[in-house]
Amino acid sequence: MLRDPNGLAILLEGDCSHAVGVAGGIARAGMTPGIAWFDAHGDLHTYATTTTGYVGGMPFAVALGWDCADWQAEAGLTQPVRAEAAALIGASDLDTEEIVALEKHPIARLDAENFGDDPAKQVADLLMPRSKNADWYLHLDVDVAGPQEVPGGMTPSLKSPTRDALRSAIHSAAKTLRPRALSLATYNPTSDPDGRGARFGLDMLEAMLDGIEEATKKHSPRT
């Protein structure tokens, strides 16, 4: 599907470690992957910085080529995602080592605490200068919304943006980047008996698709 110039892949990921394969799929299709990473966490640890060894805290770093060359190779990422084609949005629980890495590398960044009154404009302003740098993948770890929206997460953050702010931000990201792949990650239905998290995920997916549709209409030739 990704080889189709109008194709779009939509993926449900068990956890964020699957994201490396999505970026690799874009690369295998002959494109240059970029990633907009919506997540409460940075997932920017390497084996040199992690204190837990938790692989789910590493995939963004792996996609960026900071560690695990064998993982990158198996995923098809012969060339890692460039920092200039990467963004971390909505993070509210970053470790010191991840903050240091973000300060060292030119990854676009909008933390949850810096969401203002118009997150759509903030995201568009953040991503527009990078939008032509890659063929984009829009990754959403549903824990970005916090346990009030998505219960049952392994590492919940209580400082998340509001649902409306996230919807506005992710719609704007999809509209700005016109991504080739979308994903939802780390939803645990066994800890969500009321289906709150599922409804949140579907709402965010709808926002992504609406953003892509608006961008497509805007760039379609007039008849």
N, C-alpha and C. Protein backbone atom coordinates (compact mmCIF):
# COMPACT_ATOMS: atom_id res chain seq x y z
N MET A 1 0.82 -1.20 0.00
CA MET A 1 0.00 0.00 0.00
C MET A 1 0.86 1.26 0.00
N LEU A 2 1.99 1.23 0.73
CA LEU A 2 2.83 2.42 0.81
C LEU A 2 3.48 2.76 -0.52
N ARG A 3 3.57 1.79 -1.44
CA ARG A 3 4.14 2.10 -2.75
C ARG A 3 3.14 2.85 -3.63
N ASP A 4 1.87 2.80 -3.27
CA ASP A 4 0.85 3.57 -3.96
C ASP A 4 1.02 5.04 -3.56
N PRO A 5 1.14 5.96 -4.50
CA PRO A 5 1.35 7.37 -4.13
C PRO A 5 0.20 7.93 -3.30
N ASN A 6 -0.96 7.29 -3.36
CA ASN A 6 -2.10 7.73 -2.55
C ASN A 6 -2.39 6.77 -1.40
N GLY A 7 -1.48 5.82 -1.15
CA GLY A 7 -1.72 4.81 -0.14
C GLY A 7 -1.52 5.33 1.27
N LEU A 8 -2.20 4.67 2.21
CA LEU A 8 -2.10 5.03 3.62
C LEU A 8 -2.18 3.75 4.44
N ALA A 9 -1.22 3.53 5.32
CA ALA A 9 -1.24 2.38 6.22
C ALA A 9 -1.73 2.82 7.59
N ILE A 10 -2.65 2.05 8.17
CA ILE A 10 -3.16 2.30 9.51
C ILE A 10 -2.87 1.06 10.35
N LEU A 11 -2.17 1.26 11.47
CA LEU A 11 -1.68 0.13 12.25
C LEU A 11 -2.09 0.24 13.71
N LEU A 12 -2.40 -0.92 14.32
CA LEU A 12 -2.60 -1.04 15.75
C LEU A 12 -1.40 -1.78 16.32
N GLU A 13 -0.68 -1.12 17.22
CA GLU A 13 0.56 -1.67 17.74
C GLU A 13 0.37 -2.13 19.18
N GLY A 14 0.89 -3.31 19.49
CA GLY A 14 0.81 -3.79 20.87
C GLY A 14 1.52 -2.85 21.83
N ASP A 15 2.71 -2.41 21.44
CA ASP A 15 3.41 -1.36 22.18
C ASP A 15 4.27 -0.57 21.20
N CYS A 16 4.97 0.42 21.71
CA CYS A 16 5.67 1.35 20.82
C CYS A 16 6.87 0.72 20.12
N SER A 17 7.32 -0.44 20.59
CA SER A 17 8.46 -1.07 19.92
C SER A 17 8.15 -1.42 18.47
N HIS A 18 6.87 -1.58 18.14
CA HIS A 18 6.49 -1.91 16.76
C HIS A 18 6.69 -0.72 15.81
N ALA A 19 6.86 0.47 16.37
CA ALA A 19 6.99 1.66 15.54
C ALA A 19 8.23 1.62 14.65
N VAL A 20 9.28 0.94 15.11
CA VAL A 20 10.49 0.85 14.29
C VAL A 20 10.18 0.13 12.98
N GLY A 21 9.34 -0.89 13.05
CA GLY A 21 8.95 -1.60 11.84
C GLY A 21 8.12 -0.76 10.89
N VAL A 22 7.31 0.13 11.43
CA VAL A 22 6.52 1.02 10.57
C VAL A 22 7.43 1.97 9.80
N ALA A 23 8.38 2.56 10.52
CA ALA A 23 9.35 3.43 9.84
C ALA A 23 10.13 2.64 8.80
N GLY A 24 10.49 1.40 9.15
CA GLY A 24 11.20 0.55 8.20
C GLY A 24 10.35 0.22 6.99
N GLY A 25 9.05 0.07 7.16
CA GLY A 25 8.17 -0.19 6.03
C GLY A 25 8.16 0.96 5.05
N ILE A 26 8.17 2.18 5.57
CA ILE A 26 8.25 3.36 4.70
C ILE A 26 9.57 3.36 3.93
N ALA A 27 10.65 3.03 4.63
CA ALA A 27 11.96 2.98 3.97
C ALA A 27 12.00 1.88 2.91
N ARG A 28 11.43 0.72 3.21
CA ARG A 28 11.42 -0.39 2.26
C ARG A 28 10.63 -0.04 1.00
N ALA A 29 9.68 0.86 1.14
CA ALA A 29 8.88 1.29 -0.01
C ALA A 29 9.61 2.34 -0.85
N GLY A 30 10.87 2.63 -0.49
CA GLY A 30 11.68 3.55 -1.27
C GLY A 30 11.51 5.01 -0.88
N MET A 31 10.95 5.25 0.30
CA MET A 31 10.73 6.62 0.77
C MET A 31 11.65 6.94 1.94
N THR A 32 11.67 8.18 2.34
CA THR A 32 12.50 8.64 3.45
C THR A 32 11.62 8.88 4.66
N PRO A 33 11.69 8.02 5.68
CA PRO A 33 10.74 8.15 6.78
C PRO A 33 11.04 9.30 7.72
N GLY A 34 9.97 9.95 8.15
CA GLY A 34 10.00 10.91 9.24
C GLY A 34 8.96 10.48 10.26
N ILE A 35 9.12 10.88 11.49
CA ILE A 35 8.20 10.44 12.55
C ILE A 35 7.75 11.63 13.39
N ALA A 36 6.43 11.78 13.54
CA ALA A 36 5.84 12.66 14.55
C ALA A 36 5.33 11.76 15.66
N TRP A 37 5.94 11.86 16.83
CA TRP A 37 5.75 10.90 17.92
C TRP A 37 4.92 11.56 19.02
N PHE A 38 3.64 11.20 19.11
CA PHE A 38 2.78 11.68 20.18
C PHE A 38 2.82 10.65 21.31
N ASP A 39 3.28 11.07 22.48
CA ASP A 39 3.51 10.09 23.55
C ASP A 39 3.72 10.85 24.86
N ALA A 40 3.26 10.27 25.95
CA ALA A 40 3.56 10.87 27.26
C ALA A 40 5.04 10.75 27.58
N HIS A 41 5.72 9.81 26.92
CA HIS A 41 7.13 9.53 27.18
C HIS A 41 7.94 9.75 25.91
N GLY A 42 9.25 9.90 26.08
CA GLY A 42 10.09 10.14 24.92
C GLY A 42 10.46 8.87 24.17
N ASP A 43 10.51 7.75 24.88
CA ASP A 43 10.98 6.49 24.27
C ASP A 43 12.32 6.69 23.58
N LEU A 44 13.16 7.49 24.21
CA LEU A 44 14.45 7.89 23.64
C LEU A 44 15.64 7.29 24.40
N HIS A 45 15.39 6.26 25.17
CA HIS A 45 16.48 5.62 25.89
C HIS A 45 17.27 4.68 24.97
N THR A 46 18.51 4.49 25.31
CA THR A 46 19.36 3.47 24.71
C THR A 46 19.78 2.52 25.83
N TYR A 47 20.49 1.45 25.46
CA TYR A 47 20.96 0.54 26.51
C TYR A 47 21.98 1.23 27.41
N ALA A 48 22.58 2.30 26.94
CA ALA A 48 23.53 3.04 27.77
C ALA A 48 22.85 3.93 28.79
N THR A 49 21.60 4.32 28.54
CA THR A 49 20.93 5.26 29.44
C THR A 49 19.80 4.62 30.25
N THR A 50 19.24 3.52 29.80
CA THR A 50 18.11 2.94 30.52
C THR A 50 18.54 2.37 31.87
N THR A 51 17.68 2.53 32.85
CA THR A 51 17.92 1.93 34.16
C THR A 51 17.07 0.68 34.36
N THR A 52 16.16 0.42 33.43
CA THR A 52 15.23 -0.69 33.58
C THR A 52 15.44 -1.78 32.53
N GLY A 53 16.05 -1.44 31.39
CA GLY A 53 16.16 -2.39 30.30
C GLY A 53 14.87 -2.58 29.53
N TYR A 54 13.88 -1.73 29.78
CA TYR A 54 12.57 -1.85 29.14
C TYR A 54 12.66 -1.44 27.67
N VAL A 55 12.43 -2.40 26.77
CA VAL A 55 12.58 -2.15 25.34
C VAL A 55 11.56 -1.13 24.85
N GLY A 56 10.38 -1.09 25.48
CA GLY A 56 9.36 -0.13 25.08
C GLY A 56 9.75 1.31 25.31
N GLY A 57 10.83 1.55 26.06
CA GLY A 57 11.32 2.91 26.26
C GLY A 57 12.41 3.32 25.30
N MET A 58 12.63 2.51 24.24
CA MET A 58 13.75 2.74 23.32
C MET A 58 13.40 2.96 21.85
N PRO A 59 12.20 2.66 21.37
CA PRO A 59 12.00 2.59 19.92
C PRO A 59 12.22 3.88 19.15
N PHE A 60 11.91 5.03 19.73
CA PHE A 60 12.15 6.27 19.02
C PHE A 60 13.65 6.46 18.84
N ALA A 61 14.43 6.17 19.88
CA ALA A 61 15.89 6.25 19.78
C ALA A 61 16.43 5.29 18.74
N VAL A 62 15.88 4.08 18.70
CA VAL A 62 16.33 3.09 17.72
C VAL A 62 16.03 3.58 16.30
N ALA A 63 14.83 4.10 16.09
CA ALA A 63 14.48 4.61 14.76
C ALA A 63 15.39 5.75 14.33
N LEU A 64 15.89 6.50 15.32
CA LEU A 64 16.80 7.62 15.04
C LEU A 64 18.25 7.17 14.87
N GLY A 65 18.49 5.87 15.06
CA GLY A 65 19.83 5.34 14.84
C GLY A 65 20.77 5.46 16.00
N TRP A 66 20.25 5.62 17.21
CA TRP A 66 21.10 5.82 18.37
C TRP A 66 21.57 4.51 19.00
N ASP A 67 20.92 3.41 18.68
CA ASP A 67 21.27 2.12 19.29
C ASP A 67 20.62 1.00 18.49
N CYS A 68 21.05 -0.23 18.76
CA CYS A 68 20.42 -1.43 18.23
C CYS A 68 20.40 -1.45 16.70
N ALA A 69 21.61 -1.45 16.11
CA ALA A 69 21.72 -1.47 14.65
C ALA A 69 21.08 -2.73 14.06
N ASP A 70 21.11 -3.83 14.81
CA ASP A 70 20.50 -5.06 14.30
C ASP A 70 18.98 -4.93 14.21
N TRP A 71 18.39 -4.25 15.18
CA TRP A 71 16.94 -3.99 15.17
C TRP A 71 16.59 -3.11 13.97
N GLN A 72 17.37 -2.06 13.76
CA GLN A 72 17.13 -1.19 12.61
C GLN A 72 17.21 -1.98 11.30
N ALA A 73 18.22 -2.82 11.18
CA ALA A 73 18.42 -3.57 9.95
C ALA A 73 17.27 -4.52 9.68
N GLU A 74 16.82 -5.23 10.72
CA GLU A 74 15.69 -6.15 10.56
C GLU A 74 14.42 -5.41 10.17
N ALA A 75 14.29 -4.18 10.63
CA ALA A 75 13.11 -3.37 10.30
C ALA A 75 13.17 -2.77 8.90
N GLY A 76 14.35 -2.78 8.29
CA GLY A 76 14.50 -2.19 6.97
C GLY A 76 14.99 -0.76 6.98
N LEU A 77 15.42 -0.29 8.16
CA LEU A 77 15.92 1.09 8.26
C LEU A 77 17.42 1.11 7.97
N THR A 78 17.77 1.00 6.71
CA THR A 78 19.19 1.05 6.36
C THR A 78 19.78 2.43 6.64
N GLN A 79 18.93 3.47 6.56
CA GLN A 79 19.31 4.81 6.97
C GLN A 79 18.33 5.25 8.06
N PRO A 80 18.80 5.56 9.26
CA PRO A 80 17.90 5.94 10.34
C PRO A 80 17.12 7.22 10.01
N VAL A 81 16.05 7.42 10.74
CA VAL A 81 15.29 8.66 10.65
C VAL A 81 16.18 9.81 11.11
N ARG A 82 16.23 10.88 10.32
CA ARG A 82 17.04 12.04 10.70
C ARG A 82 16.32 12.86 11.76
N ALA A 83 17.08 13.43 12.67
CA ALA A 83 16.49 14.26 13.72
C ALA A 83 15.72 15.43 13.13
N GLU A 84 16.14 15.90 11.96
CA GLU A 84 15.44 17.01 11.31
C GLU A 84 14.09 16.59 10.76
N ALA A 85 13.84 15.27 10.74
CA ALA A 85 12.55 14.74 10.29
C ALA A 85 11.89 13.98 11.43
N ALA A 86 11.98 14.56 12.63
CA ALA A 86 11.42 13.92 13.81
C ALA A 86 10.82 14.97 14.73
N ALA A 87 9.75 14.58 15.43
CA ALA A 87 9.11 15.49 16.38
C ALA A 87 8.54 14.69 17.53
N LEU A 88 8.64 15.22 18.72
CA LEU A 88 8.04 14.65 19.92
C LEU A 88 7.01 15.63 20.45
N ILE A 89 5.76 15.18 20.54
CA ILE A 89 4.67 16.08 20.90
C ILE A 89 3.84 15.47 22.02
N GLY A 90 3.53 16.29 23.03
CA GLY A 90 2.64 15.88 24.10
C GLY A 90 3.32 15.19 25.27
N ALA A 91 4.65 15.12 25.29
CA ALA A 91 5.35 14.42 26.36
C ALA A 91 5.14 15.13 27.70
N SER A 92 4.91 14.33 28.72
CA SER A 92 4.71 14.87 30.07
C SER A 92 5.52 14.13 31.12
N ASP A 93 6.28 13.12 30.70
CA ASP A 93 7.06 12.32 31.66
C ASP A 93 8.37 11.91 31.00
N LEU A 94 9.32 12.83 30.98
CA LEU A 94 10.62 12.59 30.35
C LEU A 94 11.68 12.37 31.43
N ASP A 95 12.54 11.39 31.20
CA ASP A 95 13.67 11.18 32.09
C ASP A 95 14.79 12.16 31.77
N THR A 96 15.67 12.36 32.73
CA THR A 96 16.77 13.32 32.56
C THR A 96 17.59 13.01 31.32
N GLU A 97 17.88 11.73 31.09
CA GLU A 97 18.71 11.33 29.94
C GLU A 97 18.01 11.67 28.62
N GLU A 98 16.69 11.56 28.61
CA GLU A 98 15.94 11.90 27.39
C GLU A 98 15.94 13.41 27.15
N ILE A 99 15.84 14.17 28.20
CA ILE A 99 15.90 15.63 28.06
C ILE A 99 17.26 16.06 27.53
N VAL A 100 18.31 15.45 28.03
CA VAL A 100 19.66 15.75 27.54
C VAL A 100 19.76 15.42 26.05
N ALA A 101 19.22 14.28 25.64
CA ALA A 101 19.27 13.88 24.23
C ALA A 101 18.48 14.86 23.36
N LEU A 102 17.34 15.30 23.84
CA LEU A 102 16.53 16.25 23.07
C LEU A 102 17.24 17.60 22.91
N GLU A 103 18.00 17.97 23.92
CA GLU A 103 18.75 19.23 23.83
C GLU A 103 19.94 19.10 22.89
N LYS A 104 20.42 17.89 22.71
CA LYS A 104 21.60 17.64 21.87
C LYS A 104 21.23 17.52 20.39
N HIS A 105 20.04 17.01 20.10
CA HIS A 105 19.64 16.73 18.73
C HIS A 105 18.50 17.66 18.30
N PRO A 106 18.45 18.02 17.00
CA PRO A 106 17.44 18.97 16.53
C PRO A 106 16.08 18.34 16.26
N ILE A 107 15.54 17.67 17.27
CA ILE A 107 14.20 17.08 17.18
C ILE A 107 13.19 18.15 17.57
N ALA A 108 12.17 18.33 16.76
CA ALA A 108 11.11 19.28 17.11
C ALA A 108 10.40 18.79 18.36
N ARG A 109 9.98 19.71 19.20
CA ARG A 109 9.46 19.30 20.52
C ARG A 109 8.39 20.27 21.01
N LEU A 110 7.27 19.70 21.44
CA LEU A 110 6.23 20.47 22.10
C LEU A 110 5.72 19.63 23.27
N ASP A 111 6.19 19.95 24.48
CA ASP A 111 5.79 19.19 25.65
C ASP A 111 4.36 19.52 26.06
N ALA A 112 3.75 18.62 26.82
CA ALA A 112 2.37 18.81 27.26
C ALA A 112 2.21 20.13 28.03
N GLU A 113 3.17 20.45 28.87
CA GLU A 113 3.04 21.65 29.70
C GLU A 113 3.10 22.94 28.88
N ASN A 114 3.55 22.82 27.63
CA ASN A 114 3.65 24.01 26.79
C ASN A 114 2.51 24.13 25.78
N PHE A 115 1.53 23.22 25.86
CA PHE A 115 0.33 23.38 25.04
C PHE A 115 -0.37 24.67 25.48
N GLY A 116 -0.63 25.55 24.54
CA GLY A 116 -1.31 26.79 24.84
C GLY A 116 -2.77 26.75 24.46
N ASP A 117 -3.34 27.93 24.19
CA ASP A 117 -4.75 28.03 23.85
C ASP A 117 -5.05 27.55 22.43
N ASP A 118 -4.02 27.49 21.59
CA ASP A 118 -4.23 27.10 20.20
C ASP A 118 -3.20 26.04 19.80
N PRO A 119 -3.37 24.81 20.29
CA PRO A 119 -2.38 23.78 19.97
C PRO A 119 -2.30 23.44 18.49
N ALA A 120 -3.39 23.65 17.77
CA ALA A 120 -3.35 23.38 16.32
C ALA A 120 -2.33 24.28 15.64
N LYS A 121 -2.32 25.55 15.99
CA LYS A 121 -1.36 26.47 15.39
C LYS A 121 0.05 26.17 15.88
N GLN A 122 0.18 25.84 17.16
CA GLN A 122 1.51 25.49 17.68
C GLN A 122 2.11 24.32 16.91
N VAL A 123 1.30 23.29 16.69
CA VAL A 123 1.80 22.11 15.99
C VAL A 123 2.09 22.42 14.53
N ALA A 124 1.22 23.17 13.89
CA ALA A 124 1.47 23.53 12.49
C ALA A 124 2.75 24.34 12.35
N ASP A 125 2.95 25.30 13.26
CA ASP A 125 4.17 26.11 13.21
C ASP A 125 5.41 25.26 13.48
N LEU A 126 5.28 24.27 14.35
CA LEU A 126 6.41 23.40 14.68
C LEU A 126 6.78 22.49 13.51
N LEU A 127 5.77 21.95 12.83
CA LEU A 127 6.00 20.91 11.84
C LEU A 127 6.13 21.42 10.40
N MET A 128 5.53 22.55 10.10
CA MET A 128 5.54 23.01 8.71
C MET A 128 6.95 23.15 8.13
N PRO A 129 7.92 23.70 8.86
CA PRO A 129 9.27 23.81 8.28
C PRO A 129 9.91 22.45 7.98
N ARG A 130 9.41 21.38 8.59
CA ARG A 130 9.97 20.05 8.40
C ARG A 130 9.12 19.17 7.48
N SER A 131 7.98 19.66 7.07
CA SER A 131 7.00 18.81 6.41
C SER A 131 7.50 18.22 5.09
N LYS A 132 8.41 18.92 4.42
CA LYS A 132 8.93 18.44 3.14
C LYS A 132 10.19 17.59 3.29
N ASN A 133 10.62 17.38 4.54
CA ASN A 133 11.88 16.68 4.78
C ASN A 133 11.77 15.17 4.66
N ALA A 134 10.54 14.63 4.62
CA ALA A 134 10.39 13.18 4.71
C ALA A 134 8.98 12.76 4.29
N ASP A 135 8.80 11.45 4.24
CA ASP A 135 7.48 10.84 4.11
C ASP A 135 7.09 10.40 5.52
N TRP A 136 6.05 11.00 6.05
CA TRP A 136 5.85 10.99 7.49
C TRP A 136 5.01 9.83 7.99
N TYR A 137 5.33 9.46 9.21
CA TYR A 137 4.60 8.46 9.97
C TYR A 137 4.11 9.15 11.25
N LEU A 138 2.82 9.09 11.52
CA LEU A 138 2.22 9.73 12.69
C LEU A 138 1.90 8.65 13.71
N HIS A 139 2.67 8.65 14.80
CA HIS A 139 2.60 7.62 15.83
C HIS A 139 1.92 8.20 17.06
N LEU A 140 0.90 7.50 17.57
CA LEU A 140 0.20 7.93 18.77
C LEU A 140 0.19 6.82 19.81
N ASP A 141 0.92 7.02 20.89
CA ASP A 141 0.80 6.17 22.06
C ASP A 141 -0.36 6.74 22.87
N VAL A 142 -1.39 5.93 23.09
CA VAL A 142 -2.60 6.47 23.71
C VAL A 142 -2.36 6.92 25.15
N ASP A 143 -1.22 6.57 25.75
CA ASP A 143 -0.96 7.07 27.11
C ASP A 143 -0.69 8.56 27.13
N VAL A 144 -0.56 9.17 25.96
CA VAL A 144 -0.36 10.62 25.90
C VAL A 144 -1.52 11.36 26.55
N ALA A 145 -2.70 10.71 26.62
CA ALA A 145 -3.88 11.36 27.18
C ALA A 145 -4.01 11.18 28.68
N GLY A 146 -3.16 10.34 29.27
CA GLY A 146 -3.23 10.12 30.71
C GLY A 146 -4.33 9.14 31.09
N PRO A 147 -4.31 8.65 32.33
CA PRO A 147 -5.26 7.62 32.77
C PRO A 147 -6.69 8.10 32.86
N GLN A 148 -6.90 9.42 32.88
CA GLN A 148 -8.27 9.92 32.91
C GLN A 148 -9.01 9.61 31.61
N GLU A 149 -8.27 9.48 30.52
CA GLU A 149 -8.87 9.16 29.23
C GLU A 149 -8.64 7.70 28.85
N VAL A 150 -7.45 7.18 29.16
CA VAL A 150 -7.09 5.82 28.77
C VAL A 150 -6.56 5.09 30.01
N PRO A 151 -7.43 4.42 30.74
CA PRO A 151 -6.99 3.72 31.95
C PRO A 151 -6.19 2.47 31.62
N GLY A 152 -5.38 2.05 32.57
CA GLY A 152 -4.69 0.77 32.44
C GLY A 152 -3.31 0.82 31.85
N GLY A 153 -2.77 2.01 31.62
CA GLY A 153 -1.43 2.11 31.06
C GLY A 153 -0.37 1.65 32.05
N MET A 154 0.74 1.12 31.53
CA MET A 154 1.82 0.64 32.40
C MET A 154 2.54 1.77 33.11
N THR A 155 2.67 2.89 32.43
CA THR A 155 3.44 4.01 32.98
C THR A 155 2.62 5.29 32.85
N PRO A 156 1.56 5.44 33.63
CA PRO A 156 0.65 6.59 33.46
C PRO A 156 1.28 7.91 33.87
N SER A 157 0.93 8.96 33.16
CA SER A 157 1.34 10.32 33.51
C SER A 157 0.10 11.12 33.85
N LEU A 158 0.20 11.89 34.91
CA LEU A 158 -0.96 12.67 35.38
C LEU A 158 -0.91 14.12 34.91
N LYS A 159 0.01 14.43 33.99
CA LYS A 159 0.17 15.83 33.56
C LYS A 159 -0.10 15.98 32.07
N SER A 160 -1.06 15.23 31.57
CA SER A 160 -1.30 15.18 30.13
C SER A 160 -2.13 16.35 29.64
N PRO A 161 -2.06 16.65 28.34
CA PRO A 161 -2.96 17.65 27.76
C PRO A 161 -4.40 17.17 27.81
N THR A 162 -5.32 18.07 27.64
CA THR A 162 -6.72 17.69 27.59
C THR A 162 -7.02 16.93 26.30
N ARG A 163 -8.11 16.23 26.31
CA ARG A 163 -8.52 15.48 25.12
C ARG A 163 -8.74 16.42 23.93
N ASP A 164 -9.42 17.54 24.18
CA ASP A 164 -9.68 18.49 23.08
C ASP A 164 -8.37 19.04 22.52
N ALA A 165 -7.43 19.34 23.40
CA ALA A 165 -6.15 19.87 22.95
C ALA A 165 -5.41 18.83 22.11
N LEU A 166 -5.44 17.59 22.55
CA LEU A 166 -4.77 16.52 21.79
C LEU A 166 -5.44 16.31 20.44
N ARG A 167 -6.75 16.33 20.43
CA ARG A 167 -7.44 16.14 19.15
C ARG A 167 -7.08 17.25 18.17
N SER A 168 -7.06 18.46 18.66
CA SER A 168 -6.70 19.59 17.82
C SER A 168 -5.26 19.46 17.33
N ALA A 169 -4.36 19.05 18.22
CA ALA A 169 -2.94 18.94 17.86
C ALA A 169 -2.71 17.83 16.84
N ILE A 170 -3.35 16.70 17.03
CA ILE A 170 -3.08 15.58 16.13
C ILE A 170 -3.77 15.79 14.78
N HIS A 171 -4.90 16.46 14.78
CA HIS A 171 -5.53 16.84 13.50
C HIS A 171 -4.60 17.77 12.73
N SER A 172 -4.02 18.73 13.43
CA SER A 172 -3.12 19.68 12.80
C SER A 172 -1.87 18.99 12.25
N ALA A 173 -1.33 18.03 13.02
CA ALA A 173 -0.15 17.30 12.56
C ALA A 173 -0.45 16.53 11.28
N ALA A 174 -1.60 15.86 11.24
CA ALA A 174 -1.97 15.10 10.04
C ALA A 174 -2.20 16.02 8.85
N LYS A 175 -2.80 17.15 9.09
CA LYS A 175 -3.05 18.11 8.02
C LYS A 175 -1.75 18.70 7.49
N THR A 176 -0.82 18.95 8.38
CA THR A 176 0.45 19.57 7.99
C THR A 176 1.37 18.59 7.28
N LEU A 177 1.42 17.36 7.78
CA LEU A 177 2.41 16.39 7.29
C LEU A 177 1.87 15.47 6.19
N ARG A 178 0.55 15.30 6.11
CA ARG A 178 -0.05 14.35 5.17
C ARG A 178 0.67 13.01 5.26
N PRO A 179 0.63 12.37 6.41
CA PRO A 179 1.44 11.15 6.65
C PRO A 179 1.03 9.98 5.78
N ARG A 180 2.00 9.07 5.58
CA ARG A 180 1.79 7.85 4.81
C ARG A 180 1.42 6.68 5.70
N ALA A 181 1.61 6.82 7.02
CA ALA A 181 1.26 5.77 7.97
C ALA A 181 0.78 6.40 9.27
N LEU A 182 -0.22 5.76 9.88
CA LEU A 182 -0.77 6.18 11.15
C LEU A 182 -0.76 4.96 12.08
N SER A 183 -0.56 5.21 13.38
CA SER A 183 -0.66 4.08 14.30
C SER A 183 -1.18 4.52 15.65
N LEU A 184 -1.84 3.57 16.32
CA LEU A 184 -2.24 3.70 17.72
C LEU A 184 -1.52 2.60 18.48
N ALA A 185 -0.94 2.95 19.62
CA ALA A 185 -0.12 1.98 20.36
C ALA A 185 -0.49 1.94 21.83
N THR A 186 -0.27 0.77 22.44
CA THR A 186 -0.28 0.46 23.88
C THR A 186 -1.65 0.53 24.53
N TYR A 187 -2.69 0.30 23.78
CA TYR A 187 -4.02 0.21 24.40
C TYR A 187 -4.18 -1.16 25.04
N ASN A 188 -4.65 -1.19 26.28
CA ASN A 188 -4.84 -2.44 27.03
C ASN A 188 -6.33 -2.60 27.35
N PRO A 189 -7.09 -3.35 26.54
CA PRO A 189 -8.53 -3.46 26.75
C PRO A 189 -8.91 -4.14 28.06
N THR A 190 -8.04 -4.99 28.60
CA THR A 190 -8.39 -5.68 29.83
C THR A 190 -8.47 -4.73 31.03
N SER A 191 -7.85 -3.56 30.91
CA SER A 191 -7.90 -2.58 31.98
C SER A 191 -8.85 -1.42 31.67
N ASP A 192 -9.69 -1.62 30.68
CA ASP A 192 -10.59 -0.55 30.23
C ASP A 192 -11.99 -1.13 30.01
N PRO A 193 -12.64 -1.61 31.08
CA PRO A 193 -13.93 -2.30 30.91
C PRO A 193 -15.02 -1.42 30.31
N ASP A 194 -14.92 -0.11 30.49
CA ASP A 194 -15.94 0.79 29.95
C ASP A 194 -15.65 1.25 28.52
N GLY A 195 -14.49 0.87 28.00
CA GLY A 195 -14.16 1.24 26.62
C GLY A 195 -13.79 2.69 26.43
N ARG A 196 -13.44 3.37 27.53
CA ARG A 196 -13.07 4.79 27.41
C ARG A 196 -11.87 4.99 26.51
N GLY A 197 -10.84 4.17 26.74
CA GLY A 197 -9.62 4.30 25.94
C GLY A 197 -9.85 3.98 24.48
N ALA A 198 -10.70 3.00 24.21
CA ALA A 198 -11.01 2.65 22.83
C ALA A 198 -11.69 3.82 22.13
N ARG A 199 -12.61 4.46 22.82
CA ARG A 199 -13.28 5.62 22.22
C ARG A 199 -12.30 6.76 21.98
N PHE A 200 -11.37 6.94 22.92
CA PHE A 200 -10.35 7.96 22.72
C PHE A 200 -9.53 7.66 21.47
N GLY A 201 -9.07 6.42 21.34
CA GLY A 201 -8.26 6.05 20.19
C GLY A 201 -8.99 6.26 18.88
N LEU A 202 -10.26 5.88 18.83
CA LEU A 202 -11.04 6.07 17.60
C LEU A 202 -11.24 7.55 17.30
N ASP A 203 -11.42 8.34 18.35
CA ASP A 203 -11.57 9.79 18.17
C ASP A 203 -10.29 10.39 17.59
N MET A 204 -9.14 9.96 18.09
CA MET A 204 -7.87 10.48 17.58
C MET A 204 -7.62 10.00 16.14
N LEU A 205 -7.98 8.76 15.85
CA LEU A 205 -7.83 8.26 14.49
C LEU A 205 -8.71 9.05 13.53
N GLU A 206 -9.92 9.35 13.95
CA GLU A 206 -10.81 10.16 13.12
C GLU A 206 -10.20 11.54 12.88
N ALA A 207 -9.58 12.12 13.92
CA ALA A 207 -8.94 13.43 13.77
C ALA A 207 -7.80 13.36 12.76
N MET A 208 -7.00 12.28 12.81
CA MET A 208 -5.92 12.11 11.84
C MET A 208 -6.46 12.04 10.42
N LEU A 209 -7.47 11.21 10.23
CA LEU A 209 -8.02 11.01 8.88
C LEU A 209 -8.67 12.29 8.37
N ASP A 210 -9.35 13.01 9.25
CA ASP A 210 -9.94 14.29 8.84
C ASP A 210 -8.86 15.27 8.42
N GLY A 211 -7.75 15.29 9.16
CA GLY A 211 -6.66 16.20 8.81
C GLY A 211 -6.07 15.87 7.45
N ILE A 212 -5.86 14.58 7.19
CA ILE A 212 -5.32 14.16 5.89
C ILE A 212 -6.30 14.52 4.78
N GLU A 213 -7.57 14.29 5.03
CA GLU A 213 -8.58 14.60 4.00
C GLU A 213 -8.60 16.10 3.68
N GLU A 214 -8.53 16.93 4.71
CA GLU A 214 -8.51 18.38 4.48
C GLU A 214 -7.27 18.79 3.67
N ALA A 215 -6.13 18.21 4.01
CA ALA A 215 -4.91 18.55 3.29
C ALA A 215 -4.99 18.08 1.84
N THR A 216 -5.55 16.91 1.62
CA THR A 216 -5.68 16.37 0.26
C THR A 216 -6.58 17.25 -0.59
N LYS A 217 -7.68 17.67 -0.01
CA LYS A 217 -8.59 18.56 -0.76
C LYS A 217 -7.92 19.88 -1.07
N LYS A 218 -7.14 20.38 -0.13
CA LYS A 218 -6.47 21.67 -0.33
C LYS A 218 -5.46 21.59 -1.47
N HIS A 219 -4.79 20.44 -1.59
CA HIS A 219 -3.73 20.31 -2.59
C HIS A 219 -4.20 19.65 -3.89
N SER A 220 -5.47 19.25 -3.95
CA SER A 220 -5.97 18.64 -5.19
C SER A 220 -6.18 19.71 -6.24
N PRO A 221 -5.87 19.36 -7.51
CA PRO A 221 -6.11 20.33 -8.58
C PRO A 221 -7.59 20.64 -8.72
N ARG A 222 -7.89 21.87 -8.96
CA ARG A 222 -9.30 22.27 -9.12
C ARG A 222 -9.81 21.85 -10.48
N THR A 223 -11.08 21.46 -10.49
CA THR A 223 -11.69 21.05 -11.76
C THR A 223 -12.64 22.12 -12.25
